[in-house]
Amino acid sequence: MKSEKLKVKNIELKNGAVIIADVHYRKGDTEFLILLKKWIKNPPPQVFLLGDIFHLLLPFKYLVKYNKEAVELINILATKTEVYYTPGNHDFNIKKVFPEVTVFDAFYDEKKNVFLTHGDLTDSDLSYKIYVSVIRNRTFNVFLNFFSLNFLNNWLFKKILQKKIDCTKIKNFEKKIKEKTKKLDYDIIIEGHYHQNEILHFHDKTYISLPAFVCTKSYILIQLDNNPIIKEIDYDGR
């Protein structure tokens, strides 16, 4: 299956591209801001932001203002290099927030048969699919923004922003992913979402569960030769 229900953008992965996911940025988190400034100063050829870059970012004034510093840096970065963003389950309906960023559900390099996405939209759990379809629905978001009380929204947002991040290993993760990849017809699948930082091989497929920056303070670098090779890069604080 080629993920026909997702909005997929064809791209060509470039040597030196960086991929980061699950930063779960909150106001006051300096590591991500420093990293963005580093990339602005020395831009990689491509930057892929594979979802949950923010702990909570929807098109609401309170949240855009709360995340202002990181939002502005990403928009500056997008004037320096190619920036691609797949929304996650914590940051969605964000195209207007990032006018210069290429925002799609997933990205696909046809030549290398590499598929990149956040990971929640390829989940096969029915109840989760229903939940995601509701919270990501643009009409539902507009309704909340215009017809609910601002103080109620802001109270709810503050509660969500205080929620802790789970960095623990998922039980039977390999089994779950093996079943999931049966429906994904790609050689290499790169996803965030799960915070597992693992590379799994299933016959002719390779599944890369990205490191969650919030947990590991690392991201990956794509090195191209005959085949894509990934290298985990630790945040160095400089």
C-alpha atoms as a PDB file:
ATOM      1  CA  MET A   1       0.000   0.000   0.000  1.00  0.00           C
ATOM      2  CA  LYS A   2       1.342   3.441  -0.917  1.00  0.00           C
ATOM      3  CA  SER A   3      -0.510   5.340   1.841  1.00  0.00           C
ATOM      4  CA  GLU A   4      -3.120   6.675  -0.554  1.00  0.00           C
ATOM      5  CA  LYS A   5      -5.122   8.321   2.254  1.00  0.00           C
ATOM      6  CA  LEU A   6      -2.219  10.557   3.233  1.00  0.00           C
ATOM      7  CA  LYS A   7      -1.214  13.773   1.523  1.00  0.00           C
ATOM      8  CA  VAL A   8       2.237  12.765   0.294  1.00  0.00           C
ATOM      9  CA  LYS A   9       4.821  15.040  -1.317  1.00  0.00           C
ATOM     10  CA  ASN A  10       7.464  13.603  -3.636  1.00  0.00           C
ATOM     11  CA  ILE A  11      10.968  14.774  -2.742  1.00  0.00           C
ATOM     12  CA  GLU A  12      14.564  13.817  -3.415  1.00  0.00           C
ATOM     13  CA  LEU A  13      16.626  13.148  -0.307  1.00  0.00           C
ATOM     14  CA  LYS A  14      19.915  15.009  -0.392  1.00  0.00           C
ATOM     15  CA  ASN A  15      23.226  14.029   1.113  1.00  0.00           C
ATOM     16  CA  GLY A  16      23.587  15.791   4.457  1.00  0.00           C
ATOM     17  CA  ALA A  17      19.864  16.140   5.130  1.00  0.00           C
ATOM     18  CA  VAL A  18      18.948  16.207   8.814  1.00  0.00           C
ATOM     19  CA  ILE A  19      15.836  14.632  10.309  1.00  0.00           C
ATOM     20  CA  ILE A  20      14.486  15.475  13.740  1.00  0.00           C
ATOM     21  CA  ALA A  21      11.292  14.399  15.506  1.00  0.00           C
ATOM     22  CA  ASP A  22       9.505  14.586  18.824  1.00  0.00           C
ATOM     23  CA  VAL A  23      11.222  17.641  20.226  1.00  0.00           C
ATOM     24  CA  HIS A  24       8.081  18.459  22.216  1.00  0.00           C
ATOM     25  CA  TYR A  25       9.308  22.030  22.484  1.00  0.00           C
ATOM     26  CA  ARG A  26       7.981  24.067  25.380  1.00  0.00           C
ATOM     27  CA  LYS A  27       8.709  27.690  26.160  1.00  0.00           C
ATOM     28  CA  GLY A  28      12.036  27.837  27.949  1.00  0.00           C
ATOM     29  CA  ASP A  29      13.553  24.783  26.252  1.00  0.00           C
ATOM     30  CA  THR A  30      16.870  26.188  25.040  1.00  0.00           C
ATOM     31  CA  GLU A  31      18.422  23.133  23.341  1.00  0.00           C
ATOM     32  CA  PHE A  32      16.121  23.203  20.327  1.00  0.00           C
ATOM     33  CA  LEU A  33      16.463  26.963  19.925  1.00  0.00           C
ATOM     34  CA  ILE A  34      20.258  26.672  19.931  1.00  0.00           C
ATOM     35  CA  LEU A  35      20.085  23.875  17.350  1.00  0.00           C
ATOM     36  CA  LEU A  36      17.833  25.936  15.064  1.00  0.00           C
ATOM     37  CA  LYS A  37      20.229  28.886  15.311  1.00  0.00           C
ATOM     38  CA  LYS A  38      23.104  26.555  14.440  1.00  0.00           C
ATOM     39  CA  TRP A  39      21.246  25.358  11.329  1.00  0.00           C
ATOM     40  CA  ILE A  40      20.414  28.940  10.350  1.00  0.00           C
ATOM     41  CA  LYS A  41      24.099  29.843  10.570  1.00  0.00           C
ATOM     42  CA  ASN A  42      25.223  26.717   8.681  1.00  0.00           C
ATOM     43  CA  PRO A  43      22.154  25.407   6.825  1.00  0.00           C
ATOM     44  CA  PRO A  44      21.956  21.694   5.997  1.00  0.00           C
ATOM     45  CA  PRO A  45      20.744  21.022   2.432  1.00  0.00           C
ATOM     46  CA  GLN A  46      17.415  19.817   3.841  1.00  0.00           C
ATOM     47  CA  VAL A  47      15.727  19.793   7.246  1.00  0.00           C
ATOM     48  CA  PHE A  48      12.904  17.340   7.942  1.00  0.00           C
ATOM     49  CA  LEU A  49      10.740  18.043  10.989  1.00  0.00           C
ATOM     50  CA  LEU A  50       8.832  14.808  11.475  1.00  0.00           C
ATOM     51  CA  GLY A  51       6.123  15.831  13.882  1.00  0.00           C
ATOM     52  CA  ASP A  52       5.588  16.645  17.546  1.00  0.00           C
ATOM     53  CA  ILE A  53       8.230  19.313  17.169  1.00  0.00           C
ATOM     54  CA  PHE A  54       6.109  21.281  19.615  1.00  0.00           C
ATOM     55  CA  HIS A  55       4.530  19.881  22.744  1.00  0.00           C
ATOM     56  CA  LEU A  56       1.375  21.642  21.598  1.00  0.00           C
ATOM     57  CA  LEU A  57       0.906  23.814  18.528  1.00  0.00           C
ATOM     58  CA  LEU A  58      -2.422  24.406  16.828  1.00  0.00           C
ATOM     59  CA  PRO A  59      -3.592  27.540  14.973  1.00  0.00           C
ATOM     60  CA  PHE A  60      -4.686  29.294  18.183  1.00  0.00           C
ATOM     61  CA  LYS A  61      -3.305  32.717  19.169  1.00  0.00           C
ATOM     62  CA  TYR A  62      -2.333  31.569  22.653  1.00  0.00           C
ATOM     63  CA  LEU A  63      -0.287  28.622  21.342  1.00  0.00           C
ATOM     64  CA  VAL A  64       1.357  30.526  18.492  1.00  0.00           C
ATOM     65  CA  LYS A  65       2.407  33.233  20.959  1.00  0.00           C
ATOM     66  CA  TYR A  66       3.568  30.650  23.517  1.00  0.00           C
ATOM     67  CA  ASN A  67       5.785  28.968  20.893  1.00  0.00           C
ATOM     68  CA  LYS A  68       6.779  32.232  19.211  1.00  0.00           C
ATOM     69  CA  GLU A  69      10.562  31.932  19.542  1.00  0.00           C
ATOM     70  CA  ALA A  70      10.797  28.481  17.957  1.00  0.00           C
ATOM     71  CA  VAL A  71       8.172  29.318  15.318  1.00  0.00           C
ATOM     72  CA  GLU A  72      10.118  32.394  14.221  1.00  0.00           C
ATOM     73  CA  LEU A  73      13.408  30.480  14.009  1.00  0.00           C
ATOM     74  CA  ILE A  74      11.855  27.736  11.867  1.00  0.00           C
ATOM     75  CA  ASN A  75      10.449  30.373   9.523  1.00  0.00           C
ATOM     76  CA  ILE A  76      13.878  32.011   9.262  1.00  0.00           C
ATOM     77  CA  LEU A  77      15.483  28.619   8.610  1.00  0.00           C
ATOM     78  CA  ALA A  78      13.010  28.045   5.770  1.00  0.00           C
ATOM     79  CA  THR A  79      14.436  31.109   3.993  1.00  0.00           C
ATOM     80  CA  LYS A  80      17.923  29.572   4.168  1.00  0.00           C
ATOM     81  CA  THR A  81      17.259  25.972   3.112  1.00  0.00           C
ATOM     82  CA  GLU A  82      14.560  23.420   2.286  1.00  0.00           C
ATOM     83  CA  VAL A  83      12.418  22.723   5.347  1.00  0.00           C
ATOM     84  CA  TYR A  84       9.846  19.916   5.313  1.00  0.00           C
ATOM     85  CA  TYR A  85       7.335  19.365   8.126  1.00  0.00           C
ATOM     86  CA  THR A  86       5.024  16.443   8.779  1.00  0.00           C
ATOM     87  CA  PRO A  87       2.500  17.393  11.471  1.00  0.00           C
ATOM     88  CA  GLY A  88       2.238  15.086  14.460  1.00  0.00           C
ATOM     89  CA  ASN A  89      -0.453  14.461  17.030  1.00  0.00           C
ATOM     90  CA  HIS A  90       0.791  17.438  19.075  1.00  0.00           C
ATOM     91  CA  ASP A  91       1.232  19.925  16.195  1.00  0.00           C
ATOM     92  CA  PHE A  92      -1.204  20.052  13.293  1.00  0.00           C
ATOM     93  CA  ASN A  93      -3.159  22.425  11.030  1.00  0.00           C
ATOM     94  CA  ILE A  94       0.005  24.528  11.038  1.00  0.00           C
ATOM     95  CA  LYS A  95       0.486  25.492   7.396  1.00  0.00           C
ATOM     96  CA  LYS A  96      -0.467  29.132   8.005  1.00  0.00           C
ATOM     97  CA  VAL A  97       1.951  29.283  10.927  1.00  0.00           C
ATOM     98  CA  PHE A  98       4.816  28.233   8.632  1.00  0.00           C
ATOM     99  CA  PRO A  99       4.128  29.861   5.231  1.00  0.00           C
ATOM    100  CA  GLU A 100       7.604  29.113   3.807  1.00  0.00           C
ATOM    101  CA  VAL A 101       7.770  25.516   5.052  1.00  0.00           C
ATOM    102  CA  THR A 102       6.613  22.557   2.942  1.00  0.00           C
ATOM    103  CA  VAL A 103       3.950  20.885   5.097  1.00  0.00           C
ATOM    104  CA  PHE A 104       2.543  17.462   4.138  1.00  0.00           C
ATOM    105  CA  ASP A 105       1.413  14.316   5.945  1.00  0.00           C
ATOM    106  CA  ALA A 106       4.395  12.460   4.500  1.00  0.00           C
ATOM    107  CA  PHE A 107       7.318  12.734   2.107  1.00  0.00           C
ATOM    108  CA  TYR A 108       8.449  10.124  -0.390  1.00  0.00           C
ATOM    109  CA  ASP A 109      11.671   9.661  -2.349  1.00  0.00           C
ATOM    110  CA  GLU A 110      10.524   7.460  -5.222  1.00  0.00           C
ATOM    111  CA  LYS A 111      14.007   6.735  -6.558  1.00  0.00           C
ATOM    112  CA  LYS A 112      15.272   5.456  -3.212  1.00  0.00           C
ATOM    113  CA  ASN A 113      11.821   4.195  -2.133  1.00  0.00           C
ATOM    114  CA  VAL A 114      12.117   6.000   1.204  1.00  0.00           C
ATOM    115  CA  PHE A 115       8.990   7.116   3.076  1.00  0.00           C
ATOM    116  CA  LEU A 116       9.063   9.706   5.866  1.00  0.00           C
ATOM    117  CA  THR A 117       6.199  10.649   8.183  1.00  0.00           C
ATOM    118  CA  HIS A 118       5.441  11.278  11.840  1.00  0.00           C
ATOM    119  CA  GLY A 119       3.942   7.848  12.431  1.00  0.00           C
ATOM    120  CA  ASP A 120       0.541   8.407  13.967  1.00  0.00           C
ATOM    121  CA  LEU A 121      -1.367   8.471  10.670  1.00  0.00           C
ATOM    122  CA  THR A 122       0.005   5.071   9.664  1.00  0.00           C
ATOM    123  CA  ASP A 123      -1.108   3.496  12.934  1.00  0.00           C
ATOM    124  CA  SER A 124      -3.595   0.690  12.334  1.00  0.00           C
ATOM    125  CA  ASP A 125      -5.441   1.007  15.661  1.00  0.00           C
ATOM    126  CA  LEU A 126      -9.043   1.949  14.790  1.00  0.00           C
ATOM    127  CA  SER A 127      -9.821   3.879  17.980  1.00  0.00           C
ATOM    128  CA  TYR A 128      -6.659   5.920  17.546  1.00  0.00           C
ATOM    129  CA  LYS A 129      -7.525   6.630  13.911  1.00  0.00           C
ATOM    130  CA  ILE A 130     -10.925   7.979  14.971  1.00  0.00           C
ATOM    131  CA  TYR A 131      -9.328  10.122  17.686  1.00  0.00           C
ATOM    132  CA  VAL A 132      -6.754  11.556  15.262  1.00  0.00           C
ATOM    133  CA  SER A 133      -9.358  12.297  12.585  1.00  0.00           C
ATOM    134  CA  VAL A 134     -11.358  14.324  15.126  1.00  0.00           C
ATOM    135  CA  ILE A 135      -8.528  16.346  16.680  1.00  0.00           C
ATOM    136  CA  ARG A 136      -6.926  17.089  13.295  1.00  0.00           C
ATOM    137  CA  ASN A 137     -10.198  18.127  11.671  1.00  0.00           C
ATOM    138  CA  ARG A 138      -9.850  21.728  10.544  1.00  0.00           C
ATOM    139  CA  THR A 139     -13.562  22.480  11.015  1.00  0.00           C
ATOM    140  CA  PHE A 140     -13.394  21.170  14.577  1.00  0.00           C
ATOM    141  CA  ASN A 141     -10.397  23.421  15.242  1.00  0.00           C
ATOM    142  CA  VAL A 142     -12.185  26.443  13.789  1.00  0.00           C
ATOM    143  CA  PHE A 143     -15.201  25.681  15.971  1.00  0.00           C
ATOM    144  CA  LEU A 144     -13.032  25.577  19.082  1.00  0.00           C
ATOM    145  CA  ASN A 145     -11.289  28.780  18.130  1.00  0.00           C
ATOM    146  CA  PHE A 146     -14.393  30.848  17.424  1.00  0.00           C
ATOM    147  CA  PHE A 147     -17.133  29.396  19.588  1.00  0.00           C
ATOM    148  CA  SER A 148     -15.448  28.284  22.782  1.00  0.00           C
ATOM    149  CA  LEU A 149     -14.332  30.647  25.495  1.00  0.00           C
ATOM    150  CA  ASN A 150     -10.701  31.739  25.212  1.00  0.00           C
ATOM    151  CA  PHE A 151     -10.039  31.324  28.911  1.00  0.00           C
ATOM    152  CA  LEU A 152     -11.332  27.735  28.746  1.00  0.00           C
ATOM    153  CA  ASN A 153      -9.107  26.920  25.773  1.00  0.00           C
ATOM    154  CA  ASN A 154      -6.106  28.550  27.417  1.00  0.00           C
ATOM    155  CA  TRP A 155      -6.705  26.638  30.653  1.00  0.00           C
ATOM    156  CA  LEU A 156      -6.847  23.374  28.718  1.00  0.00           C
ATOM    157  CA  PHE A 157      -3.718  24.236  26.733  1.00  0.00           C
ATOM    158  CA  LYS A 158      -1.788  24.996  29.920  1.00  0.00           C
ATOM    159  CA  LYS A 159      -2.796  21.621  31.354  1.00  0.00           C
ATOM    160  CA  ILE A 160      -1.632  19.788  28.222  1.00  0.00           C
ATOM    161  CA  LEU A 161       1.653  21.721  28.177  1.00  0.00           C
ATOM    162  CA  GLN A 162       2.379  20.460  31.697  1.00  0.00           C
ATOM    163  CA  LYS A 163       1.989  16.818  30.683  1.00  0.00           C
ATOM    164  CA  LYS A 164       5.147  14.726  31.004  1.00  0.00           C
ATOM    165  CA  ILE A 165       6.715  12.940  28.029  1.00  0.00           C
ATOM    166  CA  ASP A 166       7.038   9.157  28.002  1.00  0.00           C
ATOM    167  CA  CYS A 167      10.518   7.981  26.993  1.00  0.00           C
ATOM    168  CA  THR A 168      10.109   4.348  28.030  1.00  0.00           C
ATOM    169  CA  LYS A 169      10.416   1.325  25.760  1.00  0.00           C
ATOM    170  CA  ILE A 170       7.189   0.008  24.252  1.00  0.00           C
ATOM    171  CA  LYS A 171       6.377  -3.619  24.984  1.00  0.00           C
ATOM    172  CA  ASN A 172       6.271  -5.819  21.867  1.00  0.00           C
ATOM    173  CA  PHE A 173       7.273  -2.845  19.726  1.00  0.00           C
ATOM    174  CA  GLU A 174       8.943  -4.966  17.049  1.00  0.00           C
ATOM    175  CA  LYS A 175       5.821  -7.121  16.700  1.00  0.00           C
ATOM    176  CA  LYS A 176       3.623  -4.025  16.385  1.00  0.00           C
ATOM    177  CA  ILE A 177       5.837  -2.500  13.710  1.00  0.00           C
ATOM    178  CA  LYS A 178       6.185  -5.755  11.794  1.00  0.00           C
ATOM    179  CA  GLU A 179       2.403  -5.867  11.440  1.00  0.00           C
ATOM    180  CA  LYS A 180       2.264  -2.183  10.552  1.00  0.00           C
ATOM    181  CA  THR A 181       4.899  -2.398   7.809  1.00  0.00           C
ATOM    182  CA  LYS A 182       3.016  -5.169   6.012  1.00  0.00           C
ATOM    183  CA  LYS A 183       0.707  -2.428   4.738  1.00  0.00           C
ATOM    184  CA  LEU A 184       3.504  -0.038   3.776  1.00  0.00           C
ATOM    185  CA  ASP A 185       5.158  -0.841   0.458  1.00  0.00           C
ATOM    186  CA  TYR A 186       8.491   0.945   0.884  1.00  0.00           C
ATOM    187  CA  ASP A 187      12.098  -0.173   1.235  1.00  0.00           C
ATOM    188  CA  ILE A 188      12.853   2.269   4.040  1.00  0.00           C
ATOM    189  CA  ILE A 189      10.259   3.739   6.405  1.00  0.00           C
ATOM    190  CA  ILE A 190      11.326   6.582   8.703  1.00  0.00           C
ATOM    191  CA  GLU A 191       8.964   7.622  11.496  1.00  0.00           C
ATOM    192  CA  GLY A 192       8.917   9.434  14.795  1.00  0.00           C
ATOM    193  CA  HIS A 193       5.972   9.271  17.217  1.00  0.00           C
ATOM    194  CA  TYR A 194       7.037   6.221  19.238  1.00  0.00           C
ATOM    195  CA  HIS A 195      10.176   7.623  20.942  1.00  0.00           C
ATOM    196  CA  GLN A 196      11.973   4.280  20.514  1.00  0.00           C
ATOM    197  CA  ASN A 197      15.214   5.062  18.631  1.00  0.00           C
ATOM    198  CA  GLU A 198      15.453   1.659  16.943  1.00  0.00           C
ATOM    199  CA  ILE A 199      16.246   0.258  13.512  1.00  0.00           C
ATOM    200  CA  LEU A 200      14.251  -2.852  12.608  1.00  0.00           C
ATOM    201  CA  HIS A 201      14.677  -5.101   9.582  1.00  0.00           C
ATOM    202  CA  PHE A 202      11.822  -7.138   8.107  1.00  0.00           C
ATOM    203  CA  HIS A 203      12.903  -9.119   5.039  1.00  0.00           C
ATOM    204  CA  ASP A 204      13.241  -6.448   2.332  1.00  0.00           C
ATOM    205  CA  LYS A 205      12.126  -3.524   4.525  1.00  0.00           C
ATOM    206  CA  THR A 206      13.957  -1.347   7.016  1.00  0.00           C
ATOM    207  CA  TYR A 207      11.983   0.548   9.650  1.00  0.00           C
ATOM    208  CA  ILE A 208      13.684   3.450  11.408  1.00  0.00           C
ATOM    209  CA  SER A 209      12.081   4.636  14.628  1.00  0.00           C
ATOM    210  CA  LEU A 210      13.669   8.028  15.125  1.00  0.00           C
ATOM    211  CA  PRO A 211      15.214   9.159  18.385  1.00  0.00           C
ATOM    212  CA  ALA A 212      12.913  11.548  20.227  1.00  0.00           C
ATOM    213  CA  PHE A 213      14.897  14.743  20.698  1.00  0.00           C
ATOM    214  CA  VAL A 214      13.087  15.386  23.968  1.00  0.00           C
ATOM    215  CA  CYS A 215      14.430  12.074  25.306  1.00  0.00           C
ATOM    216  CA  THR A 216      17.845  11.625  23.678  1.00  0.00           C
ATOM    217  CA  LYS A 217      18.807  15.137  22.564  1.00  0.00           C
ATOM    218  CA  SER A 218      19.751  13.670  19.191  1.00  0.00           C
ATOM    219  CA  TYR A 219      18.634  13.683  15.568  1.00  0.00           C
ATOM    220  CA  ILE A 220      19.809  11.891  12.429  1.00  0.00           C
ATOM    221  CA  LEU A 221      21.953  12.805   9.455  1.00  0.00           C
ATOM    222  CA  ILE A 222      21.411  11.227   6.045  1.00  0.00           C
ATOM    223  CA  GLN A 223      24.572  10.116   4.252  1.00  0.00           C
ATOM    224  CA  LEU A 224      24.082   8.970   0.686  1.00  0.00           C
ATOM    225  CA  ASP A 225      26.299   6.578  -1.214  1.00  0.00           C
ATOM    226  CA  ASN A 226      24.720   3.675  -3.035  1.00  0.00           C
ATOM    227  CA  ASN A 227      22.167   3.369  -0.239  1.00  0.00           C
ATOM    228  CA  PRO A 228      20.917   5.852   2.361  1.00  0.00           C
ATOM    229  CA  ILE A 229      22.880   5.581   5.594  1.00  0.00           C
ATOM    230  CA  ILE A 230      21.733   7.271   8.763  1.00  0.00           C
ATOM    231  CA  LYS A 231      23.980   8.596  11.483  1.00  0.00           C
ATOM    232  CA  GLU A 232      22.695   9.668  14.865  1.00  0.00           C
ATOM    233  CA  ILE A 233      23.976  13.089  15.882  1.00  0.00           C
ATOM    234  CA  ASP A 234      24.043  14.090  19.540  1.00  0.00           C
ATOM    235  CA  TYR A 235      23.166  17.664  20.433  1.00  0.00           C
ATOM    236  CA  ASP A 236      26.396  19.335  21.563  1.00  0.00           C
ATOM    237  CA  GLY A 237      25.005  22.578  22.938  1.00  0.00           C
ATOM    238  CA  ARG A 238      27.076  24.738  20.597  1.00  0.00           C
END
